PDB file of all heavy atoms in Angstrom:
ATOM      1  N   VAL A   1     110.475  26.720 282.796  1.00  0.00           N
ATOM      2  CA  VAL A   1     109.129  27.085 283.200  1.00  0.00           C
ATOM      3  C   VAL A   1     109.135  28.345 284.069  1.00  0.00           C
ATOM      4  O   VAL A   1     108.438  29.312 283.767  1.00  0.00           O
ATOM      5  CB  VAL A   1     108.458  25.924 283.981  1.00  0.00           C
ATOM      6  CG1 VAL A   1     107.107  26.352 284.519  1.00  0.00           C
ATOM      7  CG2 VAL A   1     108.338  24.700 283.084  1.00  0.00           C
ATOM      8  N   ALA A   2     109.920  28.325 285.136  1.00  0.00           N
ATOM      9  CA  ALA A   2     109.941  29.446 286.077  1.00  0.00           C
ATOM     10  C   ALA A   2     111.208  29.377 286.921  1.00  0.00           C
ATOM     11  O   ALA A   2     111.795  28.288 287.077  1.00  0.00           O
ATOM     12  CB  ALA A   2     108.723  29.460 286.961  1.00  0.00           C
ATOM     13  N   ALA A   3     111.617  30.521 287.446  1.00  0.00           N
ATOM     14  CA  ALA A   3     112.794  30.556 288.321  1.00  0.00           C
ATOM     15  C   ALA A   3     112.600  31.622 289.387  1.00  0.00           C
ATOM     16  O   ALA A   3     111.915  32.626 289.161  1.00  0.00           O
ATOM     17  CB  ALA A   3     114.065  30.826 287.525  1.00  0.00           C
ATOM     18  N   ILE A   4     113.223  31.388 290.539  1.00  0.00           N
ATOM     19  CA  ILE A   4     113.125  32.328 291.657  1.00  0.00           C
ATOM     20  C   ILE A   4     114.500  32.440 292.283  1.00  0.00           C
ATOM     21  O   ILE A   4     115.213  31.449 292.421  1.00  0.00           O
ATOM     22  CB  ILE A   4     112.069  31.827 292.679  1.00  0.00           C
ATOM     23  CG1 ILE A   4     111.809  32.872 293.758  1.00  0.00           C
ATOM     24  CG2 ILE A   4     112.454  30.485 293.274  1.00  0.00           C
ATOM     25  CD1 ILE A   4     110.566  32.558 294.602  1.00  0.00           C
ATOM     26  N   ASN A   5     114.885  33.683 292.644  1.00  0.00           N
ATOM     27  CA  ASN A   5     116.219  33.817 293.204  1.00  0.00           C
ATOM     28  C   ASN A   5     116.213  33.397 294.671  1.00  0.00           C
ATOM     29  O   ASN A   5     115.161  33.056 295.251  1.00  0.00           O
ATOM     30  CB  ASN A   5     116.735  35.236 293.006  1.00  0.00           C
ATOM     31  CG  ASN A   5     116.129  36.258 293.959  1.00  0.00           C
ATOM     32  OD1 ASN A   5     115.005  36.098 294.387  1.00  0.00           O
ATOM     33  ND2 ASN A   5     116.921  37.263 294.298  1.00  0.00           N
ATOM     34  N   PHE A   6     117.401  33.440 295.294  1.00  0.00           N
ATOM     35  CA  PHE A   6     117.556  32.846 296.641  1.00  0.00           C
ATOM     36  C   PHE A   6     116.636  33.481 297.672  1.00  0.00           C
ATOM     37  O   PHE A   6     116.145  32.810 298.579  1.00  0.00           O
ATOM     38  CB  PHE A   6     119.002  32.976 297.083  1.00  0.00           C
ATOM     39  CG  PHE A   6     119.432  34.371 297.449  1.00  0.00           C
ATOM     40  CD1 PHE A   6     119.424  34.778 298.775  1.00  0.00           C
ATOM     41  CD2 PHE A   6     119.831  35.271 296.498  1.00  0.00           C
ATOM     42  CE1 PHE A   6     119.809  36.055 299.132  1.00  0.00           C
ATOM     43  CE2 PHE A   6     120.181  36.562 296.823  1.00  0.00           C
ATOM     44  CZ  PHE A   6     120.188  36.949 298.137  1.00  0.00           C
ATOM     45  N   SER A   7     116.366  34.787 297.527  1.00  0.00           N
ATOM     46  CA  SER A   7     115.543  35.488 298.517  1.00  0.00           C
ATOM     47  C   SER A   7     114.061  35.475 298.191  1.00  0.00           C
ATOM     48  O   SER A   7     113.235  35.811 299.041  1.00  0.00           O
ATOM     49  CB  SER A   7     116.016  36.923 298.663  1.00  0.00           C
ATOM     50  OG  SER A   7     115.690  37.645 297.469  1.00  0.00           O
ATOM     51  N   GLY A   8     113.727  35.116 296.966  1.00  0.00           N
ATOM     52  CA  GLY A   8     112.341  35.162 296.536  1.00  0.00           C
ATOM     53  C   GLY A   8     111.962  36.524 295.962  1.00  0.00           C
ATOM     54  O   GLY A   8     110.813  36.732 295.586  1.00  0.00           O
ATOM     55  N   GLY A   9     112.909  37.404 295.876  1.00  0.00           N
ATOM     56  CA  GLY A   9     112.594  38.764 295.444  1.00  0.00           C
ATOM     57  C   GLY A   9     112.645  38.998 293.938  1.00  0.00           C
ATOM     58  O   GLY A   9     112.254  40.067 293.460  1.00  0.00           O
ATOM     59  N   SER A  10     113.119  38.014 293.200  1.00  0.00           N
ATOM     60  CA  SER A  10     113.179  38.132 291.745  1.00  0.00           C
ATOM     61  C   SER A  10     112.694  36.852 291.118  1.00  0.00           C
ATOM     62  O   SER A  10     113.113  35.754 291.537  1.00  0.00           O
ATOM     63  CB  SER A  10     114.631  38.432 291.328  1.00  0.00           C
ATOM     64  OG  SER A  10     114.689  38.717 289.954  1.00  0.00           O
ATOM     65  N   ILE A  11     111.838  36.961 290.104  1.00  0.00           N
ATOM     66  CA  ILE A  11     111.197  35.803 289.501  1.00  0.00           C
ATOM     67  C   ILE A  11     111.116  35.982 287.985  1.00  0.00           C
ATOM     68  O   ILE A  11     110.903  37.101 287.486  1.00  0.00           O
ATOM     69  CB  ILE A  11     109.758  35.620 290.077  1.00  0.00           C
ATOM     70  CG1 ILE A  11     109.848  35.131 291.524  1.00  0.00           C
ATOM     71  CG2 ILE A  11     108.941  34.678 289.236  1.00  0.00           C
ATOM     72  CD1 ILE A  11     108.498  35.087 292.238  1.00  0.00           C
ATOM     73  N   TYR A  12     111.257  34.872 287.267  1.00  0.00           N
ATOM     74  CA  TYR A  12     111.058  34.847 285.812  1.00  0.00           C
ATOM     75  C   TYR A  12     110.086  33.714 285.480  1.00  0.00           C
ATOM     76  O   TYR A  12     110.088  32.686 286.152  1.00  0.00           O
ATOM     77  CB  TYR A  12     112.355  34.617 285.072  1.00  0.00           C
ATOM     78  CG  TYR A  12     113.338  35.749 285.111  1.00  0.00           C
ATOM     79  CD1 TYR A  12     114.540  35.604 285.796  1.00  0.00           C
ATOM     80  CD2 TYR A  12     113.089  36.921 284.440  1.00  0.00           C
ATOM     81  CE1 TYR A  12     115.452  36.636 285.827  1.00  0.00           C
ATOM     82  CE2 TYR A  12     114.006  37.965 284.473  1.00  0.00           C
ATOM     83  CZ  TYR A  12     115.191  37.818 285.171  1.00  0.00           C
ATOM     84  OH  TYR A  12     116.120  38.846 285.187  1.00  0.00           O
ATOM     85  N   TYR A  13     109.302  33.927 284.438  1.00  0.00           N
ATOM     86  CA  TYR A  13     108.397  32.892 283.927  1.00  0.00           C
ATOM     87  C   TYR A  13     108.576  32.761 282.425  1.00  0.00           C
ATOM     88  O   TYR A  13     108.847  33.732 281.722  1.00  0.00           O
ATOM     89  CB  TYR A  13     106.939  33.259 284.206  1.00  0.00           C
ATOM     90  CG  TYR A  13     106.540  33.254 285.641  1.00  0.00           C
ATOM     91  CD1 TYR A  13     106.396  34.446 286.343  1.00  0.00           C
ATOM     92  CD2 TYR A  13     106.279  32.063 286.321  1.00  0.00           C
ATOM     93  CE1 TYR A  13     106.024  34.460 287.657  1.00  0.00           C
ATOM     94  CE2 TYR A  13     105.908  32.061 287.659  1.00  0.00           C
ATOM     95  CZ  TYR A  13     105.777  33.273 288.320  1.00  0.00           C
ATOM     96  OH  TYR A  13     105.408  33.272 289.627  1.00  0.00           O
ATOM     97  N   ALA A  14     108.345  31.544 281.946  1.00  0.00           N
ATOM     98  CA  ALA A  14     108.227  31.353 280.504  1.00  0.00           C
ATOM     99  C   ALA A  14     106.927  31.985 280.050  1.00  0.00           C
ATOM    100  O   ALA A  14     105.930  31.994 280.785  1.00  0.00           O
ATOM    101  CB  ALA A  14     108.243  29.876 280.162  1.00  0.00           C
ATOM    102  N   ASP A  15     106.922  32.517 278.830  1.00  0.00           N
ATOM    103  CA  ASP A  15     105.703  33.152 278.323  1.00  0.00           C
ATOM    104  C   ASP A  15     104.521  32.189 278.295  1.00  0.00           C
ATOM    105  O   ASP A  15     103.372  32.610 278.514  1.00  0.00           O
ATOM    106  CB  ASP A  15     105.950  33.673 276.896  1.00  0.00           C
ATOM    107  CG  ASP A  15     106.864  34.889 276.887  1.00  0.00           C
ATOM    108  OD1 ASP A  15     107.036  35.540 277.937  1.00  0.00           O
ATOM    109  OD2 ASP A  15     107.401  35.201 275.808  1.00  0.00           O
ATOM    110  N   SER A  16     104.777  30.925 278.086  1.00  0.00           N
ATOM    111  CA  SER A  16     103.719  29.920 277.983  1.00  0.00           C
ATOM    112  C   SER A  16     102.951  29.686 279.266  1.00  0.00           C
ATOM    113  O   SER A  16     101.843  29.160 279.255  1.00  0.00           O
ATOM    114  CB  SER A  16     104.266  28.609 277.459  1.00  0.00           C
ATOM    115  OG  SER A  16     105.277  28.116 278.330  1.00  0.00           O
ATOM    116  N   VAL A  17     103.559  30.074 280.416  1.00  0.00           N
ATOM    117  CA  VAL A  17     102.898  29.819 281.694  1.00  0.00           C
ATOM    118  C   VAL A  17     102.589  31.112 282.452  1.00  0.00           C
ATOM    119  O   VAL A  17     101.950  31.062 283.501  1.00  0.00           O
ATOM    120  CB  VAL A  17     103.757  28.903 282.569  1.00  0.00           C
ATOM    121  CG1 VAL A  17     104.130  27.619 281.832  1.00  0.00           C
ATOM    122  CG2 VAL A  17     105.028  29.609 283.093  1.00  0.00           C
ATOM    123  N   LYS A  18     103.045  32.233 281.930  1.00  0.00           N
ATOM    124  CA  LYS A  18     102.844  33.494 282.637  1.00  0.00           C
ATOM    125  C   LYS A  18     101.356  33.769 282.821  1.00  0.00           C
ATOM    126  O   LYS A  18     100.533  33.620 281.930  1.00  0.00           O
ATOM    127  CB  LYS A  18     103.504  34.620 281.800  1.00  0.00           C
ATOM    128  CG  LYS A  18     103.877  35.854 282.576  1.00  0.00           C
ATOM    129  CD  LYS A  18     104.703  36.789 281.695  1.00  0.00           C
ATOM    130  CE  LYS A  18     106.060  36.237 281.371  1.00  0.00           C
ATOM    131  NZ  LYS A  18     106.887  37.178 280.603  1.00  0.00           N
ATOM    132  N   GLY A  19     101.010  34.146 284.056  1.00  0.00           N
ATOM    133  CA  GLY A  19      99.607  34.407 284.391  1.00  0.00           C
ATOM    134  C   GLY A  19      98.854  33.161 284.853  1.00  0.00           C
ATOM    135  O   GLY A  19      97.741  33.289 285.380  1.00  0.00           O
ATOM    136  N   ARG A  20      99.433  31.980 284.683  1.00  0.00           N
ATOM    137  CA  ARG A  20      98.787  30.734 285.110  1.00  0.00           C
ATOM    138  C   ARG A  20      99.563  30.031 286.228  1.00  0.00           C
ATOM    139  O   ARG A  20      98.986  29.397 287.094  1.00  0.00           O
ATOM    140  CB  ARG A  20      98.637  29.776 283.941  1.00  0.00           C
ATOM    141  CG  ARG A  20      97.803  30.308 282.792  1.00  0.00           C
ATOM    142  CD  ARG A  20      97.545  29.211 281.740  1.00  0.00           C
ATOM    143  NE  ARG A  20      98.778  28.739 281.132  1.00  0.00           N
ATOM    144  CZ  ARG A  20      99.154  27.443 281.137  1.00  0.00           C
ATOM    145  NH1 ARG A  20      98.386  26.537 281.727  1.00  0.00           N
ATOM    146  NH2 ARG A  20     100.289  27.073 280.540  1.00  0.00           N
ATOM    147  N   PHE A  21     100.884  30.124 286.166  1.00  0.00           N
ATOM    148  CA  PHE A  21     101.750  29.463 287.151  1.00  0.00           C
ATOM    149  C   PHE A  21     102.350  30.497 288.088  1.00  0.00           C
ATOM    150  O   PHE A  21     102.644  31.637 287.670  1.00  0.00           O
ATOM    151  CB  PHE A  21     102.857  28.711 286.456  1.00  0.00           C
ATOM    152  CG  PHE A  21     102.457  27.480 285.667  1.00  0.00           C
ATOM    153  CD1 PHE A  21     101.135  27.196 285.382  1.00  0.00           C
ATOM    154  CD2 PHE A  21     103.423  26.588 285.199  1.00  0.00           C
ATOM    155  CE1 PHE A  21     100.760  26.078 284.673  1.00  0.00           C
ATOM    156  CE2 PHE A  21     103.083  25.473 284.483  1.00  0.00           C
ATOM    157  CZ  PHE A  21     101.744  25.224 284.215  1.00  0.00           C
ATOM    158  N   THR A  22     102.600  30.081 289.334  1.00  0.00           N
ATOM    159  CA  THR A  22     103.253  30.937 290.305  1.00  0.00           C
ATOM    160  C   THR A  22     104.328  30.152 291.024  1.00  0.00           C
ATOM    161  O   THR A  22     104.050  29.098 291.587  1.00  0.00           O
ATOM    162  CB  THR A  22     102.254  31.478 291.330  1.00  0.00           C
ATOM    163  OG1 THR A  22     101.198  32.204 290.649  1.00  0.00           O
ATOM    164  CG2 THR A  22     102.953  32.427 292.309  1.00  0.00           C
ATOM    165  N   ILE A  23     105.553  30.679 290.995  1.00  0.00           N
ATOM    166  CA  ILE A  23     106.652  30.068 291.730  1.00  0.00           C
ATOM    167  C   ILE A  23     106.842  30.828 293.043  1.00  0.00           C
ATOM    168  O   ILE A  23     106.691  32.038 293.103  1.00  0.00           O
ATOM    169  CB  ILE A  23     107.948  30.061 290.890  1.00  0.00           C
ATOM    170  CG1 ILE A  23     109.024  29.235 291.587  1.00  0.00           C
ATOM    171  CG2 ILE A  23     108.419  31.469 290.596  1.00  0.00           C
ATOM    172  CD1 ILE A  23     110.283  29.029 290.714  1.00  0.00           C
ATOM    173  N   SER A  24     107.142  30.076 294.089  1.00  0.00           N
ATOM    174  CA  SER A  24     107.410  30.673 295.388  1.00  0.00           C
ATOM    175  C   SER A  24     108.360  29.781 296.178  1.00  0.00           C
ATOM    176  O   SER A  24     108.630  28.645 295.766  1.00  0.00           O
ATOM    177  CB  SER A  24     106.110  30.895 296.181  1.00  0.00           C
ATOM    178  OG  SER A  24     105.479  29.646 296.422  1.00  0.00           O
ATOM    179  N   ARG A  25     108.860  30.307 297.271  1.00  0.00           N
ATOM    180  CA  ARG A  25     109.743  29.481 298.103  1.00  0.00           C
ATOM    181  C   ARG A  25     109.560  29.854 299.543  1.00  0.00           C
ATOM    182  O   ARG A  25     109.211  30.968 299.901  1.00  0.00           O
ATOM    183  CB  ARG A  25     111.205  29.659 297.666  1.00  0.00           C
ATOM    184  CG  ARG A  25     111.801  31.005 297.923  1.00  0.00           C
ATOM    185  CD  ARG A  25     113.202  31.135 297.275  1.00  0.00           C
ATOM    186  NE  ARG A  25     114.166  30.176 297.817  1.00  0.00           N
ATOM    187  CZ  ARG A  25     115.295  29.840 297.217  1.00  0.00           C
ATOM    188  NH1 ARG A  25     115.615  30.379 296.038  1.00  0.00           N
ATOM    189  NH2 ARG A  25     116.123  28.988 297.791  1.00  0.00           N
ATOM    190  N   ASP A  26     109.806  28.862 300.390  1.00  0.00           N
ATOM    191  CA  ASP A  26     109.780  29.041 301.838  1.00  0.00           C
ATOM    192  C   ASP A  26     111.129  28.553 302.341  1.00  0.00           C
ATOM    193  O   ASP A  26     111.341  27.347 302.485  1.00  0.00           O
ATOM    194  CB  ASP A  26     108.617  28.265 302.451  1.00  0.00           C
ATOM    195  CG  ASP A  26     108.488  28.495 303.937  1.00  0.00           C
ATOM    196  OD1 ASP A  26     109.450  28.980 304.586  1.00  0.00           O
ATOM    197  OD2 ASP A  26     107.404  28.178 304.480  1.00  0.00           O
ATOM    198  N   ASN A  27     112.021  29.468 302.615  1.00  0.00           N
ATOM    199  CA  ASN A  27     113.360  29.081 303.023  1.00  0.00           C
ATOM    200  C   ASN A  27     113.398  28.487 304.433  1.00  0.00           C
ATOM    201  O   ASN A  27     114.362  27.803 304.772  1.00  0.00           O
ATOM    202  CB  ASN A  27     114.321  30.265 302.926  1.00  0.00           C
ATOM    203  CG  ASN A  27     114.707  30.577 301.482  1.00  0.00           C
ATOM    204  OD1 ASN A  27     114.591  29.732 300.597  1.00  0.00           O
ATOM    205  ND2 ASN A  27     115.167  31.804 301.240  1.00  0.00           N
ATOM    206  N   THR A  28     112.360  28.736 305.222  1.00  0.00           N
ATOM    207  CA  THR A  28     112.327  28.094 306.550  1.00  0.00           C
ATOM    208  C   THR A  28     112.040  26.612 306.420  1.00  0.00           C
ATOM    209  O   THR A  28     112.354  25.839 307.312  1.00  0.00           O
ATOM    210  CB  THR A  28     111.269  28.751 307.432  1.00  0.00           C
ATOM    211  OG1 THR A  28     109.972  28.485 306.860  1.00  0.00           O
ATOM    212  CG2 THR A  28     111.477  30.258 307.536  1.00  0.00           C
ATOM    213  N   LYS A  29     111.424  26.225 305.318  1.00  0.00           N
ATOM    214  CA  LYS A  29     111.120  24.819 305.064  1.00  0.00           C
ATOM    215  C   LYS A  29     112.005  24.222 303.967  1.00  0.00           C
ATOM    216  O   LYS A  29     111.810  23.047 303.589  1.00  0.00           O
ATOM    217  CB  LYS A  29     109.651  24.650 304.676  1.00  0.00           C
ATOM    218  CG  LYS A  29     108.681  25.092 305.741  1.00  0.00           C
ATOM    219  CD  LYS A  29     107.236  24.887 305.292  1.00  0.00           C
ATOM    220  CE  LYS A  29     106.255  25.301 306.390  1.00  0.00           C
ATOM    221  NZ  LYS A  29     104.838  25.131 305.986  1.00  0.00           N
ATOM    222  N   ASN A  30     112.914  25.018 303.413  1.00  0.00           N
ATOM    223  CA  ASN A  30     113.796  24.553 302.322  1.00  0.00           C
ATOM    224  C   ASN A  30     112.980  23.965 301.172  1.00  0.00           C
ATOM    225  O   ASN A  30     113.333  22.913 300.638  1.00  0.00           O
ATOM    226  CB  ASN A  30     114.796  23.535 302.839  1.00  0.00           C
ATOM    227  CG  ASN A  30     115.765  24.112 303.859  1.00  0.00           C
ATOM    228  OD1 ASN A  30     116.192  25.247 303.711  1.00  0.00           O
ATOM    229  ND2 ASN A  30     116.090  23.345 304.887  1.00  0.00           N
ATOM    230  N   THR A  31     111.909  24.646 300.821  1.00  0.00           N
ATOM    231  CA  THR A  31     111.009  24.140 299.799  1.00  0.00           C
ATOM    232  C   THR A  31     110.650  25.211 298.793  1.00  0.00           C
ATOM    233  O   THR A  31     110.423  26.368 299.172  1.00  0.00           O
ATOM    234  CB  THR A  31     109.707  23.581 300.466  1.00  0.00           C
ATOM    235  OG1 THR A  31     110.067  22.545 301.380  1.00  0.00           O
ATOM    236  CG2 THR A  31     108.781  23.009 299.411  1.00  0.00           C
ATOM    237  N   VAL A  32     110.593  24.805 297.535  1.00  0.00           N
ATOM    238  CA  VAL A  32     110.157  25.665 296.444  1.00  0.00           C
ATOM    239  C   VAL A  32     108.840  25.092 295.901  1.00  0.00           C
ATOM    240  O   VAL A  32     108.700  23.869 295.790  1.00  0.00           O
ATOM    241  CB  VAL A  32     111.202  25.753 295.342  1.00  0.00           C
ATOM    242  CG1 VAL A  32     110.712  26.612 294.188  1.00  0.00           C
ATOM    243  CG2 VAL A  32     112.513  26.305 295.900  1.00  0.00           C
ATOM    244  N   TYR A  33     107.927  25.975 295.527  1.00  0.00           N
ATOM    245  CA  TYR A  33     106.614  25.528 295.056  1.00  0.00           C
ATOM    246  C   TYR A  33     106.379  26.034 293.623  1.00  0.00           C
ATOM    247  O   TYR A  33     106.921  27.059 293.197  1.00  0.00           O
ATOM    248  CB  TYR A  33     105.527  26.078 295.950  1.00  0.00           C
ATOM    249  CG  TYR A  33     105.684  25.696 297.405  1.00  0.00           C
ATOM    250  CD1 TYR A  33     106.259  26.586 298.333  1.00  0.00           C
ATOM    251  CD2 TYR A  33     105.277  24.447 297.884  1.00  0.00           C
ATOM    252  CE1 TYR A  33     106.437  26.237 299.653  1.00  0.00           C
ATOM    253  CE2 TYR A  33     105.424  24.107 299.210  1.00  0.00           C
ATOM    254  CZ  TYR A  33     106.002  24.992 300.085  1.00  0.00           C
ATOM    255  OH  TYR A  33     106.173  24.650 301.392  1.00  0.00           O
ATOM    256  N   LEU A  34     105.521  25.298 292.948  1.00  0.00           N
ATOM    257  CA  LEU A  34     105.015  25.754 291.647  1.00  0.00           C
ATOM    258  C   LEU A  34     103.522  25.531 291.656  1.00  0.00           C
ATOM    259  O   LEU A  34     103.064  24.386 291.527  1.00  0.00           O
ATOM    260  CB  LEU A  34     105.691  25.016 290.484  1.00  0.00           C
ATOM    261  CG  LEU A  34     105.308  25.548 289.103  1.00  0.00           C
ATOM    262  CD1 LEU A  34     105.889  26.957 288.898  1.00  0.00           C
ATOM    263  CD2 LEU A  34     105.798  24.611 288.004  1.00  0.00           C
ATOM    264  N   GLN A  35     102.772  26.610 291.825  1.00  0.00           N
ATOM    265  CA  GLN A  35     101.313  26.541 291.748  1.00  0.00           C
ATOM    266  C   GLN A  35     100.913  26.643 290.302  1.00  0.00           C
ATOM    267  O   GLN A  35     101.254  27.644 289.644  1.00  0.00           O
ATOM    268  CB  GLN A  35     100.700  27.676 292.571  1.00  0.00           C
ATOM    269  CG  GLN A  35      99.194  27.730 292.510  1.00  0.00           C
ATOM    270  CD  GLN A  35      98.526  26.528 293.181  1.00  0.00           C
ATOM    271  OE1 GLN A  35      98.949  26.103 294.242  1.00  0.00           O
ATOM    272  NE2 GLN A  35      97.504  25.985 292.527  1.00  0.00           N
ATOM    273  N   MET A  36     100.203  25.651 289.809  1.00  0.00           N
ATOM    274  CA  MET A  36      99.808  25.624 288.415  1.00  0.00           C
ATOM    275  C   MET A  36      98.289  25.663 288.315  1.00  0.00           C
ATOM    276  O   MET A  36      97.608  24.733 288.757  1.00  0.00           O
ATOM    277  CB  MET A  36     100.359  24.352 287.742  1.00  0.00           C
ATOM    278  CG  MET A  36     101.859  24.184 287.912  1.00  0.00           C
ATOM    279  SD  MET A  36     102.519  22.792 286.980  1.00  0.00           S
ATOM    280  CE  MET A  36     101.702  21.437 287.813  1.00  0.00           C
ATOM    281  N   ASN A  37      97.774  26.708 287.729  1.00  0.00           N
ATOM    282  CA  ASN A  37      96.336  26.895 287.533  1.00  0.00           C
ATOM    283  C   ASN A  37      95.977  26.892 286.062  1.00  0.00           C
ATOM    284  O   ASN A  37      96.864  27.069 285.194  1.00  0.00           O
ATOM    285  CB  ASN A  37      95.880  28.205 288.171  1.00  0.00           C
ATOM    286  CG  ASN A  37      96.132  28.251 289.679  1.00  0.00           C
ATOM    287  OD1 ASN A  37      96.084  27.227 290.357  1.00  0.00           O
ATOM    288  ND2 ASN A  37      96.370  29.447 290.190  1.00  0.00           N
ATOM    289  N   SER A  38      94.725  26.724 285.760  1.00  0.00           N
ATOM    290  CA  SER A  38      94.235  26.756 284.374  1.00  0.00           C
ATOM    291  C   SER A  38      95.076  25.848 283.480  1.00  0.00           C
ATOM    292  O   SER A  38      95.522  26.228 282.388  1.00  0.00           O
ATOM    293  CB  SER A  38      94.251  28.177 283.833  1.00  0.00           C
ATOM    294  OG  SER A  38      93.470  29.032 284.612  1.00  0.00           O
ATOM    295  N   LEU A  39      95.305  24.652 283.938  1.00  0.00           N
ATOM    296  CA  LEU A  39      96.174  23.718 283.230  1.00  0.00           C
ATOM    297  C   LEU A  39      95.612  23.318 281.883  1.00  0.00           C
ATOM    298  O   LEU A  39      94.385  23.200 281.705  1.00  0.00           O
ATOM    299  CB  LEU A  39      96.449  22.481 284.067  1.00  0.00           C
ATOM    300  CG  LEU A  39      97.457  22.691 285.194  1.00  0.00           C
ATOM    301  CD1 LEU A  39      97.344  21.620 286.252  1.00  0.00           C
ATOM    302  CD2 LEU A  39      98.873  22.723 284.643  1.00  0.00           C
ATOM    303  N   LYS A  40      96.502  23.145 280.932  1.00  0.00           N
ATOM    304  CA  LYS A  40      96.148  22.769 279.571  1.00  0.00           C
ATOM    305  C   LYS A  40      96.806  21.425 279.225  1.00  0.00           C
ATOM    306  O   LYS A  40      97.843  21.080 279.801  1.00  0.00           O
ATOM    307  CB  LYS A  40      96.682  23.839 278.600  1.00  0.00           C
ATOM    308  CG  LYS A  40      96.211  25.254 278.903  1.00  0.00           C
ATOM    309  CD  LYS A  40      96.864  26.265 277.958  1.00  0.00           C
ATOM    310  CE  LYS A  40      96.437  27.686 278.256  1.00  0.00           C
ATOM    311  NZ  LYS A  40      97.112  28.655 277.366  1.00  0.00           N
ATOM    312  N   PRO A  41      96.266  20.707 278.247  1.00  0.00           N
ATOM    313  CA  PRO A  41      96.895  19.441 277.865  1.00  0.00           C
ATOM    314  C   PRO A  41      98.352  19.618 277.456  1.00  0.00           C
ATOM    315  O   PRO A  41      99.188  18.729 277.685  1.00  0.00           O
ATOM    316  CB  PRO A  41      96.046  18.987 276.678  1.00  0.00           C
ATOM    317  CG  PRO A  41      94.699  19.567 276.972  1.00  0.00           C
ATOM    318  CD  PRO A  41      94.954  20.902 277.586  1.00  0.00           C
ATOM    319  N   GLU A  42      98.713  20.743 276.880  1.00  0.00           N
ATOM    320  CA  GLU A  42     100.103  20.983 276.473  1.00  0.00           C
ATOM    321  C   GLU A  42     101.048  21.208 277.645  1.00  0.00           C
ATOM    322  O   GLU A  42     102.265  21.292 277.467  1.00  0.00           O
ATOM    323  CB  GLU A  42     100.192  22.167 275.496  1.00  0.00           C
ATOM    324  CG  GLU A  42      99.510  23.433 275.964  1.00  0.00           C
ATOM    325  CD  GLU A  42      98.098  23.576 275.363  1.00  0.00           C
ATOM    326  OE1 GLU A  42      97.337  22.562 275.362  1.00  0.00           O
ATOM    327  OE2 GLU A  42      97.763  24.712 274.938  1.00  0.00           O
TER     328      GLU A  42
END
């Protein structure tokens, strides 16, 4: 679906989610997020 490097400075998305999903990370909280918008049944 998506990937983010250790610093957050490099990101990849699958074509099927590009423009709808956003990956991010907060290293101070040791947490990675996936914001998913415009969700589809698929």
